[in-house]
Amino acid sequence: SYDDPIGKYIPELAWMDDGVTIRRLLYHTSGIMGYDDSDAIYDALVASSEAPTNEDLLAVLAAQGDMLTDPGEVYSYSNTGYEILGSLIERVSGEKYAVFMEKNIFAPLGMTHTFSLPNPERLQDKNVAQSYYLDGGQPWAYEPDILDGLTGSGSIYTTLGDMYLYDQALRNNELVSAETLDEAFTSGTLNNGESIEYGFGVDVSEYSGYEYIGHSGAWLGF
């Protein structure tokens, strides 16, 4: 159930308020303190390993024990929350995140140019684009980030063609039911009833009089 507390499935996080549910993690309203919010958590995470994984993150979160806010009170975008959801997939399925995604989404839909990290294709495939930033009027290549090994908030490489296959599968109810998709594309609310204009991993809002569902991003320049 979306409304189960996350600690039911990830015992390391059982110290969190029962209001820290799967639904609130999806909405970014769980109130958790993450590496996005705390230098102490970030520092502990990068000190835990040369290439921290989701298990390292769970260990750090288990030791810190502080909430940012009460659950449901504030919308606060959290990559950490989505890494927790990535770990939830692993705990419930018994498979690594990358394996689960390949078996249940990418392969069945024919998304042959899509993969999740960790994957050596990220650095070896000639079709994987390098991202750049401008400094002093010159382009410089982004170096890999120490948190690239975390999965859930990002980590997936794909192509426009494969994204089309994914989009069509959603529209044709090949992956989830129409009811599930409608719920995912419906904005959550705070405890006071205020809309957050965010569904399950997507912005749900208006622009120039048009309703839109989408998401931006800026990891390593994208």
C-alpha atoms as a PDB file:
ATOM      1  CA  SER A   1       0.000   0.000   0.000  1.00  0.00           C
ATOM      2  CA  TYR A   2       1.177   3.512  -0.793  1.00  0.00           C
ATOM      3  CA  ASP A   3       0.187   4.431   2.756  1.00  0.00           C
ATOM      4  CA  ASP A   4       2.369   1.856   4.501  1.00  0.00           C
ATOM      5  CA  PRO A   5       5.194   3.346   6.594  1.00  0.00           C
ATOM      6  CA  ILE A   6       8.564   2.829   4.952  1.00  0.00           C
ATOM      7  CA  GLY A   7       9.903   1.181   8.116  1.00  0.00           C
ATOM      8  CA  LYS A   8       7.606  -1.787   7.464  1.00  0.00           C
ATOM      9  CA  TYR A   9       9.856  -2.817   4.580  1.00  0.00           C
ATOM     10  CA  ILE A  10      13.188  -1.234   5.508  1.00  0.00           C
ATOM     11  CA  PRO A  11      13.786  -1.965   9.215  1.00  0.00           C
ATOM     12  CA  GLU A  12      16.751   0.420   9.389  1.00  0.00           C
ATOM     13  CA  LEU A  13      14.254   3.245   8.936  1.00  0.00           C
ATOM     14  CA  ALA A  14      11.714   2.006  11.477  1.00  0.00           C
ATOM     15  CA  TRP A  15      12.763   4.891  13.757  1.00  0.00           C
ATOM     16  CA  MET A  16      11.066   7.284  11.346  1.00  0.00           C
ATOM     17  CA  ASP A  17       7.559   8.501  12.131  1.00  0.00           C
ATOM     18  CA  ASP A  18       4.834   6.163  10.803  1.00  0.00           C
ATOM     19  CA  GLY A  19       3.749   9.166   8.731  1.00  0.00           C
ATOM     20  CA  VAL A  20       6.826   8.613   6.552  1.00  0.00           C
ATOM     21  CA  THR A  21       4.867   6.563   4.045  1.00  0.00           C
ATOM     22  CA  ILE A  22       5.602   5.389   0.533  1.00  0.00           C
ATOM     23  CA  ARG A  23       3.070   7.925  -0.742  1.00  0.00           C
ATOM     24  CA  ARG A  24       4.732  10.847   1.055  1.00  0.00           C
ATOM     25  CA  LEU A  25       8.149   9.800  -0.181  1.00  0.00           C
ATOM     26  CA  LEU A  26       6.728   9.837  -3.726  1.00  0.00           C
ATOM     27  CA  TYR A  27       5.276  13.302  -3.101  1.00  0.00           C
ATOM     28  CA  HIS A  28       8.408  14.713  -1.375  1.00  0.00           C
ATOM     29  CA  THR A  29       6.294  15.458   1.693  1.00  0.00           C
ATOM     30  CA  SER A  30       7.713  12.804   4.037  1.00  0.00           C
ATOM     31  CA  GLY A  31       9.626  15.284   6.196  1.00  0.00           C
ATOM     32  CA  ILE A  32      12.806  13.191   6.165  1.00  0.00           C
ATOM     33  CA  MET A  33      16.235  14.737   6.521  1.00  0.00           C
ATOM     34  CA  GLY A  34      18.392  13.802   3.557  1.00  0.00           C
ATOM     35  CA  TYR A  35      21.811  14.480   2.091  1.00  0.00           C
ATOM     36  CA  ASP A  36      20.129  17.289   0.149  1.00  0.00           C
ATOM     37  CA  ASP A  37      19.396  19.034   3.461  1.00  0.00           C
ATOM     38  CA  SER A  38      22.230  18.125   5.815  1.00  0.00           C
ATOM     39  CA  ASP A  39      25.983  18.516   5.385  1.00  0.00           C
ATOM     40  CA  ALA A  40      26.434  15.981   8.195  1.00  0.00           C
ATOM     41  CA  ILE A  41      24.484  13.322   6.307  1.00  0.00           C
ATOM     42  CA  TYR A  42      26.275  14.106   3.038  1.00  0.00           C
ATOM     43  CA  ASP A  43      29.685  14.029   4.729  1.00  0.00           C
ATOM     44  CA  ALA A  44      28.911  10.725   6.466  1.00  0.00           C
ATOM     45  CA  LEU A  45      27.708   9.241   3.184  1.00  0.00           C
ATOM     46  CA  VAL A  46      30.778  10.167   1.140  1.00  0.00           C
ATOM     47  CA  ALA A  47      33.005   9.030   4.003  1.00  0.00           C
ATOM     48  CA  SER A  48      31.301   5.628   4.099  1.00  0.00           C
ATOM     49  CA  SER A  49      32.714   4.424   0.780  1.00  0.00           C
ATOM     50  CA  GLU A  50      34.670   5.483  -2.297  1.00  0.00           C
ATOM     51  CA  ALA A  51      31.454   4.829  -4.243  1.00  0.00           C
ATOM     52  CA  PRO A  52      28.466   4.913  -1.862  1.00  0.00           C
ATOM     53  CA  THR A  53      25.505   2.648  -2.596  1.00  0.00           C
ATOM     54  CA  ASN A  54      21.909   2.638  -1.393  1.00  0.00           C
ATOM     55  CA  GLU A  55      22.880   0.313   1.439  1.00  0.00           C
ATOM     56  CA  ASP A  56      25.479   2.848   2.581  1.00  0.00           C
ATOM     57  CA  LEU A  57      22.800   5.549   2.512  1.00  0.00           C
ATOM     58  CA  LEU A  58      20.409   3.446   4.603  1.00  0.00           C
ATOM     59  CA  ALA A  59      23.153   2.842   7.164  1.00  0.00           C
ATOM     60  CA  VAL A  60      23.838   6.583   7.417  1.00  0.00           C
ATOM     61  CA  LEU A  61      20.146   7.415   7.732  1.00  0.00           C
ATOM     62  CA  ALA A  62      19.684   4.718  10.382  1.00  0.00           C
ATOM     63  CA  ALA A  63      22.360   6.379  12.492  1.00  0.00           C
ATOM     64  CA  GLN A  64      21.246  10.009  12.216  1.00  0.00           C
ATOM     65  CA  GLY A  65      17.685   9.904  13.561  1.00  0.00           C
ATOM     66  CA  ASP A  66      16.506  13.450  12.807  1.00  0.00           C
ATOM     67  CA  MET A  67      13.491  14.614  10.820  1.00  0.00           C
ATOM     68  CA  LEU A  68      13.410  17.797   8.750  1.00  0.00           C
ATOM     69  CA  THR A  69       9.700  18.435   9.444  1.00  0.00           C
ATOM     70  CA  ASP A  70       6.654  16.485  10.539  1.00  0.00           C
ATOM     71  CA  PRO A  71       5.347  14.271   7.714  1.00  0.00           C
ATOM     72  CA  GLY A  72       2.893  15.959   5.391  1.00  0.00           C
ATOM     73  CA  GLU A  73       3.592  19.486   6.545  1.00  0.00           C
ATOM     74  CA  VAL A  74       5.991  20.705   3.829  1.00  0.00           C
ATOM     75  CA  TYR A  75       6.912  19.872   0.231  1.00  0.00           C
ATOM     76  CA  SER A  76      10.703  19.534   0.147  1.00  0.00           C
ATOM     77  CA  TYR A  77      12.281  17.968  -2.942  1.00  0.00           C
ATOM     78  CA  SER A  78      14.407  15.030  -1.844  1.00  0.00           C
ATOM     79  CA  ASN A  79      16.721  12.870  -3.923  1.00  0.00           C
ATOM     80  CA  THR A  80      17.307  10.935  -0.704  1.00  0.00           C
ATOM     81  CA  GLY A  81      13.626  10.047  -0.570  1.00  0.00           C
ATOM     82  CA  TYR A  82      13.744   8.542  -4.032  1.00  0.00           C
ATOM     83  CA  GLU A  83      16.898   6.594  -3.184  1.00  0.00           C
ATOM     84  CA  ILE A  84      14.886   5.138  -0.291  1.00  0.00           C
ATOM     85  CA  LEU A  85      12.187   4.180  -2.813  1.00  0.00           C
ATOM     86  CA  GLY A  86      14.870   2.550  -4.970  1.00  0.00           C
ATOM     87  CA  SER A  87      15.897   0.540  -1.917  1.00  0.00           C
ATOM     88  CA  LEU A  88      12.252  -0.368  -1.332  1.00  0.00           C
ATOM     89  CA  ILE A  89      12.116  -1.941  -4.812  1.00  0.00           C
ATOM     90  CA  GLU A  90      15.216  -3.986  -3.960  1.00  0.00           C
ATOM     91  CA  ARG A  91      13.914  -5.141  -0.586  1.00  0.00           C
ATOM     92  CA  VAL A  92      10.453  -6.149  -1.853  1.00  0.00           C
ATOM     93  CA  SER A  93      11.657  -7.773  -5.108  1.00  0.00           C
ATOM     94  CA  GLY A  94      14.825  -9.342  -3.760  1.00  0.00           C
ATOM     95  CA  GLU A  95      16.690  -8.020  -6.812  1.00  0.00           C
ATOM     96  CA  LYS A  96      19.110  -5.194  -7.436  1.00  0.00           C
ATOM     97  CA  TYR A  97      17.429  -2.075  -8.786  1.00  0.00           C
ATOM     98  CA  ALA A  98      19.171  -2.280 -12.175  1.00  0.00           C
ATOM     99  CA  VAL A  99      18.181  -5.945 -12.595  1.00  0.00           C
ATOM    100  CA  PHE A 100      14.564  -5.291 -11.611  1.00  0.00           C
ATOM    101  CA  MET A 101      14.244  -2.407 -14.067  1.00  0.00           C
ATOM    102  CA  GLU A 102      15.760  -4.438 -16.910  1.00  0.00           C
ATOM    103  CA  LYS A 103      13.564  -7.482 -16.288  1.00  0.00           C
ATOM    104  CA  ASN A 104      10.288  -5.669 -15.658  1.00  0.00           C
ATOM    105  CA  ILE A 105      10.441  -2.536 -17.816  1.00  0.00           C
ATOM    106  CA  PHE A 106      13.320  -2.172 -20.252  1.00  0.00           C
ATOM    107  CA  ALA A 107      13.458  -5.685 -21.758  1.00  0.00           C
ATOM    108  CA  PRO A 108       9.676  -6.285 -22.018  1.00  0.00           C
ATOM    109  CA  LEU A 109       9.208  -2.958 -23.809  1.00  0.00           C
ATOM    110  CA  GLY A 110      12.155  -3.455 -26.166  1.00  0.00           C
ATOM    111  CA  MET A 111      14.120  -0.557 -24.635  1.00  0.00           C
ATOM    112  CA  THR A 112      17.437  -1.928 -25.864  1.00  0.00           C
ATOM    113  CA  HIS A 113      19.347   1.344 -25.417  1.00  0.00           C
ATOM    114  CA  THR A 114      18.371   1.892 -21.788  1.00  0.00           C
ATOM    115  CA  PHE A 115      20.134   0.861 -18.591  1.00  0.00           C
ATOM    116  CA  SER A 116      20.449   1.791 -14.949  1.00  0.00           C
ATOM    117  CA  LEU A 117      23.693   2.366 -13.135  1.00  0.00           C
ATOM    118  CA  PRO A 118      25.853   0.676 -12.089  1.00  0.00           C
ATOM    119  CA  ASN A 119      26.697  -0.360 -15.636  1.00  0.00           C
ATOM    120  CA  PRO A 120      30.030  -0.204 -17.507  1.00  0.00           C
ATOM    121  CA  GLU A 121      28.183   1.003 -20.636  1.00  0.00           C
ATOM    122  CA  ARG A 122      27.960   4.402 -18.963  1.00  0.00           C
ATOM    123  CA  LEU A 123      31.647   5.012 -19.637  1.00  0.00           C
ATOM    124  CA  GLN A 124      32.318   2.626 -22.540  1.00  0.00           C
ATOM    125  CA  ASP A 125      29.395   2.853 -24.971  1.00  0.00           C
ATOM    126  CA  LYS A 126      30.149   5.230 -27.831  1.00  0.00           C
ATOM    127  CA  ASN A 127      26.502   6.319 -27.889  1.00  0.00           C
ATOM    128  CA  VAL A 128      26.547   7.638 -24.303  1.00  0.00           C
ATOM    129  CA  ALA A 129      26.855  11.419 -24.411  1.00  0.00           C
ATOM    130  CA  GLN A 130      29.338  13.335 -22.306  1.00  0.00           C
ATOM    131  CA  SER A 131      27.875  16.363 -20.542  1.00  0.00           C
ATOM    132  CA  TYR A 132      29.605  19.726 -20.397  1.00  0.00           C
ATOM    133  CA  TYR A 133      29.454  23.063 -18.633  1.00  0.00           C
ATOM    134  CA  LEU A 134      30.795  26.475 -19.612  1.00  0.00           C
ATOM    135  CA  ASP A 135      33.471  28.196 -17.561  1.00  0.00           C
ATOM    136  CA  GLY A 136      35.355  31.227 -18.847  1.00  0.00           C
ATOM    137  CA  GLY A 137      33.660  30.795 -22.202  1.00  0.00           C
ATOM    138  CA  GLN A 138      35.164  27.305 -22.616  1.00  0.00           C
ATOM    139  CA  PRO A 139      33.388  23.915 -22.460  1.00  0.00           C
ATOM    140  CA  TRP A 140      34.559  21.547 -19.723  1.00  0.00           C
ATOM    141  CA  ALA A 141      33.486  17.936 -19.289  1.00  0.00           C
ATOM    142  CA  TYR A 142      31.622  17.021 -16.106  1.00  0.00           C
ATOM    143  CA  GLU A 143      33.483  14.454 -14.052  1.00  0.00           C
ATOM    144  CA  PRO A 144      31.543  11.510 -12.569  1.00  0.00           C
ATOM    145  CA  ASP A 145      29.950  12.333  -9.210  1.00  0.00           C
ATOM    146  CA  ILE A 146      30.679  10.361  -6.048  1.00  0.00           C
ATOM    147  CA  LEU A 147      26.932   9.777  -5.604  1.00  0.00           C
ATOM    148  CA  ASP A 148      26.449   8.241  -9.062  1.00  0.00           C
ATOM    149  CA  GLY A 149      26.168   4.796  -7.457  1.00  0.00           C
ATOM    150  CA  LEU A 150      22.900   5.683  -5.728  1.00  0.00           C
ATOM    151  CA  THR A 151      19.795   4.480  -7.560  1.00  0.00           C
ATOM    152  CA  GLY A 152      16.206   5.659  -7.385  1.00  0.00           C
ATOM    153  CA  SER A 153      16.334   9.399  -7.934  1.00  0.00           C
ATOM    154  CA  GLY A 154      18.169   9.108 -11.245  1.00  0.00           C
ATOM    155  CA  SER A 155      20.796   6.683 -12.548  1.00  0.00           C
ATOM    156  CA  ILE A 156      18.955   5.688 -15.740  1.00  0.00           C
ATOM    157  CA  TYR A 157      20.440   6.277 -19.193  1.00  0.00           C
ATOM    158  CA  THR A 158      18.123   6.116 -22.196  1.00  0.00           C
ATOM    159  CA  THR A 159      17.404   7.480 -25.668  1.00  0.00           C
ATOM    160  CA  LEU A 160      14.570   9.463 -27.182  1.00  0.00           C
ATOM    161  CA  GLY A 161      13.373   6.384 -29.073  1.00  0.00           C
ATOM    162  CA  ASP A 162      13.292   4.258 -25.934  1.00  0.00           C
ATOM    163  CA  MET A 163      11.517   7.016 -24.018  1.00  0.00           C
ATOM    164  CA  TYR A 164       8.844   6.913 -26.729  1.00  0.00           C
ATOM    165  CA  LEU A 165       8.375   3.186 -26.119  1.00  0.00           C
ATOM    166  CA  TYR A 166       8.039   3.845 -22.400  1.00  0.00           C
ATOM    167  CA  ASP A 167       5.545   6.669 -22.954  1.00  0.00           C
ATOM    168  CA  GLN A 168       3.415   4.523 -25.264  1.00  0.00           C
ATOM    169  CA  ALA A 169       3.443   1.645 -22.770  1.00  0.00           C
ATOM    170  CA  LEU A 170       2.094   3.977 -20.098  1.00  0.00           C
ATOM    171  CA  ARG A 171      -0.576   5.364 -22.428  1.00  0.00           C
ATOM    172  CA  ASN A 172      -1.620   1.849 -23.505  1.00  0.00           C
ATOM    173  CA  ASN A 173      -1.726   0.485 -19.928  1.00  0.00           C
ATOM    174  CA  GLU A 174       1.008  -2.071 -20.640  1.00  0.00           C
ATOM    175  CA  LEU A 175       2.899  -1.331 -17.432  1.00  0.00           C
ATOM    176  CA  VAL A 176       0.209  -0.161 -15.001  1.00  0.00           C
ATOM    177  CA  SER A 177      -3.540   0.241 -15.081  1.00  0.00           C
ATOM    178  CA  ALA A 178      -5.237   3.466 -16.143  1.00  0.00           C
ATOM    179  CA  GLU A 179      -6.363   3.935 -12.529  1.00  0.00           C
ATOM    180  CA  THR A 180      -2.808   3.644 -11.234  1.00  0.00           C
ATOM    181  CA  LEU A 181      -1.531   6.090 -13.835  1.00  0.00           C
ATOM    182  CA  ASP A 182      -4.289   8.578 -13.024  1.00  0.00           C
ATOM    183  CA  GLU A 183      -3.293   8.456  -9.362  1.00  0.00           C
ATOM    184  CA  ALA A 184       0.369   8.954 -10.247  1.00  0.00           C
ATOM    185  CA  PHE A 185      -0.541  11.996 -12.354  1.00  0.00           C
ATOM    186  CA  THR A 186      -2.709  13.585  -9.642  1.00  0.00           C
ATOM    187  CA  SER A 187      -1.152  16.203  -7.390  1.00  0.00           C
ATOM    188  CA  GLY A 188      -0.623  15.407  -3.751  1.00  0.00           C
ATOM    189  CA  THR A 189      -1.653  17.699  -0.921  1.00  0.00           C
ATOM    190  CA  LEU A 190      -0.206  18.810   2.377  1.00  0.00           C
ATOM    191  CA  ASN A 191      -1.877  18.199   5.713  1.00  0.00           C
ATOM    192  CA  ASN A 192      -3.644  21.556   5.378  1.00  0.00           C
ATOM    193  CA  GLY A 193      -5.136  20.565   2.011  1.00  0.00           C
ATOM    194  CA  GLU A 194      -2.801  22.730  -0.092  1.00  0.00           C
ATOM    195  CA  SER A 195      -1.898  21.254  -3.475  1.00  0.00           C
ATOM    196  CA  ILE A 196       1.821  20.623  -4.040  1.00  0.00           C
ATOM    197  CA  GLU A 197       1.465  20.433  -7.855  1.00  0.00           C
ATOM    198  CA  TYR A 198       3.465  17.208  -7.820  1.00  0.00           C
ATOM    199  CA  GLY A 199       2.382  13.609  -8.371  1.00  0.00           C
ATOM    200  CA  PHE A 200       4.403  10.401  -8.199  1.00  0.00           C
ATOM    201  CA  GLY A 201       7.736  11.648  -9.533  1.00  0.00           C
ATOM    202  CA  VAL A 202       6.274  14.253 -11.885  1.00  0.00           C
ATOM    203  CA  ASP A 203       5.298  17.914 -11.819  1.00  0.00           C
ATOM    204  CA  VAL A 204       1.557  18.336 -12.340  1.00  0.00           C
ATOM    205  CA  SER A 205       0.776  21.965 -13.072  1.00  0.00           C
ATOM    206  CA  GLU A 206      -0.152  24.576 -15.687  1.00  0.00           C
ATOM    207  CA  TYR A 207       1.959  26.675 -18.036  1.00  0.00           C
ATOM    208  CA  SER A 208       0.525  29.426 -20.242  1.00  0.00           C
ATOM    209  CA  GLY A 209      -2.956  28.042 -19.715  1.00  0.00           C
ATOM    210  CA  TYR A 210      -2.060  24.428 -20.563  1.00  0.00           C
ATOM    211  CA  GLU A 211      -1.956  21.538 -18.146  1.00  0.00           C
ATOM    212  CA  TYR A 212       1.319  19.638 -18.221  1.00  0.00           C
ATOM    213  CA  ILE A 213       2.937  16.599 -16.637  1.00  0.00           C
ATOM    214  CA  GLY A 214       6.717  16.466 -16.742  1.00  0.00           C
ATOM    215  CA  HIS A 215      10.001  16.838 -14.943  1.00  0.00           C
ATOM    216  CA  SER A 216      13.212  18.788 -15.296  1.00  0.00           C
ATOM    217  CA  GLY A 217      16.641  17.677 -14.120  1.00  0.00           C
ATOM    218  CA  ALA A 218      20.206  18.884 -13.726  1.00  0.00           C
ATOM    219  CA  TRP A 219      22.418  15.963 -12.639  1.00  0.00           C
ATOM    220  CA  LEU A 220      25.787  16.350 -14.372  1.00  0.00           C
ATOM    221  CA  GLY A 221      24.350  19.024 -16.642  1.00  0.00           C
ATOM    222  CA  PHE A 222      21.148  17.314 -17.806  1.00  0.00           C
END
